[in-house]
C-alpha atoms as a PDB file:
ATOM      1  CA  MET A   1      42.623   1.007  39.834  1.00  0.00           C
ATOM      2  CA  ILE A   2      41.026   2.906  36.996  1.00  0.00           C
ATOM      3  CA  ARG A   3      38.571   1.687  34.392  1.00  0.00           C
ATOM      4  CA  TYR A   4      38.561   3.096  30.871  1.00  0.00           C
ATOM      5  CA  ARG A   5      36.099   2.534  28.069  1.00  0.00           C
ATOM      6  CA  LEU A   6      38.188   1.878  24.958  1.00  0.00           C
ATOM      7  CA  ARG A   7      37.309   1.886  21.244  1.00  0.00           C
ATOM      8  CA  CYS A   8      39.234   0.438  18.310  1.00  0.00           C
ATOM      9  CA  ASP A   9      39.367   1.998  14.853  1.00  0.00           C
ATOM     10  CA  SER A  10      36.728  -0.555  13.719  1.00  0.00           C
ATOM     11  CA  GLY A  11      34.263   0.799  16.296  1.00  0.00           C
ATOM     12  CA  HIS A  12      34.363  -2.062  18.825  1.00  0.00           C
ATOM     13  CA  GLU A  13      33.979  -0.757  22.379  1.00  0.00           C
ATOM     14  CA  PHE A  14      35.148  -2.512  25.536  1.00  0.00           C
ATOM     15  CA  GLU A  15      36.336  -1.706  29.037  1.00  0.00           C
ATOM     16  CA  ALA A  16      39.702  -2.392  30.623  1.00  0.00           C
ATOM     17  CA  TRP A  17      41.213  -1.859  34.058  1.00  0.00           C
ATOM     18  CA  PHE A  18      44.601  -0.271  34.709  1.00  0.00           C
ATOM     19  CA  ALA A  19      46.622   0.285  37.862  1.00  0.00           C
ATOM     20  CA  SER A  20      46.590   4.035  37.120  1.00  0.00           C
ATOM     21  CA  SER A  21      46.152   6.489  34.262  1.00  0.00           C
ATOM     22  CA  ALA A  22      49.945   6.376  33.869  1.00  0.00           C
ATOM     23  CA  GLY A  23      49.637   2.583  33.511  1.00  0.00           C
ATOM     24  CA  TYR A  24      47.235   3.059  30.611  1.00  0.00           C
ATOM     25  CA  ASP A  25      49.532   5.645  29.007  1.00  0.00           C
ATOM     26  CA  ALA A  26      52.564   3.356  29.317  1.00  0.00           C
ATOM     27  CA  GLN A  27      50.754   0.388  27.760  1.00  0.00           C
ATOM     28  CA  ALA A  28      49.333   2.522  24.950  1.00  0.00           C
ATOM     29  CA  GLU A  29      52.738   4.035  24.226  1.00  0.00           C
ATOM     30  CA  ARG A  30      54.345   0.569  24.032  1.00  0.00           C
ATOM     31  CA  GLY A  31      51.572  -0.757  21.737  1.00  0.00           C
ATOM     32  CA  LEU A  32      50.384  -3.326  24.291  1.00  0.00           C
ATOM     33  CA  LEU A  33      46.663  -2.569  23.909  1.00  0.00           C
ATOM     34  CA  SER A  34      44.543  -4.437  21.403  1.00  0.00           C
ATOM     35  CA  CYS A  35      40.872  -4.906  20.609  1.00  0.00           C
ATOM     36  CA  ALA A  36      39.447  -8.114  22.034  1.00  0.00           C
ATOM     37  CA  ALA A  37      37.043  -8.426  19.082  1.00  0.00           C
ATOM     38  CA  CYS A  38      39.319  -7.873  16.082  1.00  0.00           C
ATOM     39  CA  GLY A  39      42.854  -7.754  17.500  1.00  0.00           C
ATOM     40  CA  THR A  40      43.838  -4.362  16.107  1.00  0.00           C
ATOM     41  CA  ALA A  41      46.314  -2.331  18.143  1.00  0.00           C
ATOM     42  CA  LYS A  42      44.654   0.922  17.041  1.00  0.00           C
ATOM     43  CA  VAL A  43      42.844   1.504  20.333  1.00  0.00           C
ATOM     44  CA  GLU A  44      42.021   4.757  22.096  1.00  0.00           C
ATOM     45  CA  LYS A  45      40.016   5.948  25.069  1.00  0.00           C
ATOM     46  CA  ALA A  46      36.320   6.409  24.354  1.00  0.00           C
ATOM     47  CA  LEU A  47      34.142   9.054  25.925  1.00  0.00           C
ATOM     48  CA  MET A  48      32.629   7.908  29.208  1.00  0.00           C
ATOM     49  CA  ALA A  49      30.579   9.601  31.881  1.00  0.00           C
ATOM     50  CA  PRO A  50      32.255   9.951  35.274  1.00  0.00           C
ATOM     51  CA  ASN A  51      30.684   8.363  38.332  1.00  0.00           C
ATOM     52  CA  VAL A  52      30.036  11.385  40.546  1.00  0.00           C
ATOM     53  CA  ALA A  53      28.354  11.055  43.935  1.00  0.00           C
ATOM     54  CA  LYS A  54      25.604  13.496  44.814  1.00  0.00           C
ATOM     55  CA  PRO A  55      26.520  15.727  47.762  1.00  0.00           C
ATOM     56  CA  SER A  56      23.816  14.110  49.889  1.00  0.00           C
ATOM     57  CA  GLU A  57      25.217  10.624  49.196  1.00  0.00           C
ATOM     58  CA  GLY A  58      28.672  11.264  50.625  1.00  0.00           C
ATOM     59  CA  ALA A  59      31.217   8.689  49.560  1.00  0.00           C
ATOM     60  CA  ARG A  60      30.362   6.452  46.631  1.00  0.00           C
ATOM     61  CA  ALA A  61      29.077   3.001  47.584  1.00  0.00           C
ATOM     62  CA  ASP A  62      31.395   0.080  46.791  1.00  0.00           C
ATOM     63  CA  THR A  63      29.420  -1.301  43.845  1.00  0.00           C
ATOM     64  CA  THR A  64      31.980  -1.261  41.026  1.00  0.00           C
ATOM     65  CA  PRO A  65      33.861  -4.549  40.606  1.00  0.00           C
ATOM     66  CA  VAL A  66      37.656  -4.293  40.538  1.00  0.00           C
ATOM     67  CA  VAL A  67      38.037  -7.014  37.932  1.00  0.00           C
ATOM     68  CA  PRO A  68      35.091  -7.566  35.598  1.00  0.00           C
ATOM     69  CA  THR A  69      33.997 -11.197  35.352  1.00  0.00           C
ATOM     70  CA  LYS A  70      32.659 -10.890  31.827  1.00  0.00           C
ATOM     71  CA  HIS A  71      34.060  -8.942  28.903  1.00  0.00           C
ATOM     72  CA  PRO A  72      31.420  -6.866  27.069  1.00  0.00           C
ATOM     73  CA  VAL A  73      32.431  -8.380  23.734  1.00  0.00           C
ATOM     74  CA  ALA A  74      33.252 -11.894  24.970  1.00  0.00           C
ATOM     75  CA  GLY A  75      30.658 -13.366  22.620  1.00  0.00           C
ATOM     76  CA  GLN A  76      32.581 -11.785  19.739  1.00  0.00           C
ATOM     77  CA  LEU A  77      35.938 -13.334  20.650  1.00  0.00           C
ATOM     78  CA  PRO A  78      37.467 -15.380  17.848  1.00  0.00           C
ATOM     79  CA  ALA A  79      37.432 -19.141  18.494  1.00  0.00           C
ATOM     80  CA  PRO A  80      41.253 -19.370  18.828  1.00  0.00           C
ATOM     81  CA  MET A  81      41.202 -16.695  21.541  1.00  0.00           C
ATOM     82  CA  ARG A  82      38.406 -18.484  23.431  1.00  0.00           C
ATOM     83  CA  GLU A  83      40.424 -21.712  23.261  1.00  0.00           C
ATOM     84  CA  MET A  84      43.506 -19.926  24.582  1.00  0.00           C
ATOM     85  CA  LEU A  85      41.495 -18.515  27.517  1.00  0.00           C
ATOM     86  CA  LYS A  86      40.173 -22.023  28.278  1.00  0.00           C
ATOM     87  CA  LYS A  87      43.744 -23.362  28.295  1.00  0.00           C
ATOM     88  CA  ILE A  88      44.830 -20.617  30.702  1.00  0.00           C
ATOM     89  CA  ARG A  89      42.049 -21.554  33.127  1.00  0.00           C
ATOM     90  CA  GLU A  90      42.846 -25.266  32.827  1.00  0.00           C
ATOM     91  CA  HIS A  91      46.545 -24.586  33.468  1.00  0.00           C
ATOM     92  CA  VAL A  92      45.777 -22.545  36.603  1.00  0.00           C
ATOM     93  CA  ARG A  93      43.423 -25.243  37.904  1.00  0.00           C
ATOM     94  CA  GLU A  94      45.938 -28.022  37.226  1.00  0.00           C
ATOM     95  CA  THR A  95      48.983 -26.257  38.694  1.00  0.00           C
ATOM     96  CA  SER A  96      47.533 -24.243  41.584  1.00  0.00           C
ATOM     97  CA  ASP A  97      45.828 -24.939  44.901  1.00  0.00           C
ATOM     98  CA  TYR A  98      42.135 -24.121  45.219  1.00  0.00           C
ATOM     99  CA  VAL A  99      41.592 -22.150  48.446  1.00  0.00           C
ATOM    100  CA  GLY A 100      37.928 -21.196  47.977  1.00  0.00           C
ATOM    101  CA  ASP A 101      36.685 -18.098  49.767  1.00  0.00           C
ATOM    102  CA  ARG A 102      39.938 -17.923  51.765  1.00  0.00           C
ATOM    103  CA  PHE A 103      41.691 -16.541  48.670  1.00  0.00           C
ATOM    104  CA  ALA A 104      42.424 -13.030  50.009  1.00  0.00           C
ATOM    105  CA  GLU A 105      43.649 -14.363  53.354  1.00  0.00           C
ATOM    106  CA  GLU A 106      45.918 -16.968  51.745  1.00  0.00           C
ATOM    107  CA  ALA A 107      47.254 -14.499  49.133  1.00  0.00           C
ATOM    108  CA  ARG A 108      48.333 -12.204  51.972  1.00  0.00           C
ATOM    109  CA  ARG A 109      49.940 -15.076  53.890  1.00  0.00           C
ATOM    110  CA  ILE A 110      51.970 -16.031  50.811  1.00  0.00           C
ATOM    111  CA  HIS A 111      52.882 -12.424  50.046  1.00  0.00           C
ATOM    112  CA  TYR A 112      54.133 -11.803  53.580  1.00  0.00           C
ATOM    113  CA  ASP A 113      56.045 -15.141  53.686  1.00  0.00           C
ATOM    114  CA  GLU A 114      53.724 -16.610  56.326  1.00  0.00           C
ATOM    115  CA  SER A 115      52.764 -19.492  54.050  1.00  0.00           C
ATOM    116  CA  GLU A 116      54.473 -21.586  51.372  1.00  0.00           C
ATOM    117  CA  ALA A 117      54.908 -19.719  48.077  1.00  0.00           C
ATOM    118  CA  ARG A 118      52.683 -21.386  45.497  1.00  0.00           C
ATOM    119  CA  GLY A 119      50.014 -20.669  42.933  1.00  0.00           C
ATOM    120  CA  ILE A 120      46.501 -20.409  44.333  1.00  0.00           C
ATOM    121  CA  TYR A 121      43.029 -19.654  43.015  1.00  0.00           C
ATOM    122  CA  GLY A 122      39.658 -19.146  44.631  1.00  0.00           C
ATOM    123  CA  GLU A 123      37.015 -16.496  45.180  1.00  0.00           C
ATOM    124  CA  ALA A 124      37.360 -12.899  46.347  1.00  0.00           C
ATOM    125  CA  THR A 125      34.884 -10.052  46.567  1.00  0.00           C
ATOM    126  CA  PRO A 126      35.589  -6.880  44.570  1.00  0.00           C
ATOM    127  CA  ALA A 127      36.529  -5.129  47.833  1.00  0.00           C
ATOM    128  CA  GLU A 128      38.966  -7.919  48.765  1.00  0.00           C
ATOM    129  CA  ALA A 129      40.570  -7.821  45.301  1.00  0.00           C
ATOM    130  CA  ARG A 130      40.891  -4.028  45.511  1.00  0.00           C
ATOM    131  CA  ALA A 131      42.517  -4.270  48.953  1.00  0.00           C
ATOM    132  CA  LEU A 132      45.005  -6.872  47.676  1.00  0.00           C
ATOM    133  CA  HIS A 133      45.958  -4.612  44.753  1.00  0.00           C
ATOM    134  CA  GLU A 134      46.373  -1.648  47.127  1.00  0.00           C
ATOM    135  CA  GLU A 135      48.752  -3.760  49.250  1.00  0.00           C
ATOM    136  CA  GLY A 136      50.827  -4.528  46.160  1.00  0.00           C
ATOM    137  CA  ILE A 137      49.665  -8.147  45.943  1.00  0.00           C
ATOM    138  CA  GLU A 138      49.215  -9.103  42.303  1.00  0.00           C
ATOM    139  CA  VAL A 139      45.972 -10.974  41.595  1.00  0.00           C
ATOM    140  CA  HIS A 140      44.012 -11.584  38.400  1.00  0.00           C
ATOM    141  CA  ALA A 141      40.567 -12.923  37.592  1.00  0.00           C
ATOM    142  CA  LEU A 142      40.364 -16.198  35.720  1.00  0.00           C
ATOM    143  CA  PRO A 143      38.848 -15.581  32.279  1.00  0.00           C
ATOM    144  CA  SER A 144      35.103 -16.037  32.048  1.00  0.00           C
ATOM    145  CA  LEU A 145      33.474 -16.994  28.749  1.00  0.00           C
ATOM    146  CA  PRO A 146      29.836 -16.889  27.589  1.00  0.00           C
ATOM    147  CA  GLU A 147      29.509 -20.686  27.692  1.00  0.00           C
ATOM    148  CA  ASP A 148      30.340 -20.623  31.425  1.00  0.00           C
ATOM    149  CA  ALA A 149      26.825 -19.292  32.070  1.00  0.00           C
ATOM    150  CA  ASN A 150      25.227 -22.348  30.445  1.00  0.00           C
END
């Protein structure tokens, strides 16, 4: 997984995750990227500082989430987009089984045909989500909106 800071031609900045740099390139080439604030497809990579470990630190600590829970410009999302995100969450909750903190375990069981194939949702740590992605198991975070914190 790779995280890029992106900027639209109106100056809105946001971050997005991609499976690889080639994944970003493919989506950009096909016009699949758009600004979450204004919807324009004129989006490009913004300058960002790399996360480099000091030699004395060794390997970087696992502190970066795989899937962000809040979008930096979520408060700027147009009302129709917020409503669509709410409908997505409601659909997942109505049509999938809640498995709580057993999400990673159950996702693997389904992926490896050890459990009934079905939609599930629950909680996973960033490390668990990263491990699932590395195993080729597709998972996504449910959208989080500013009003969820209230």
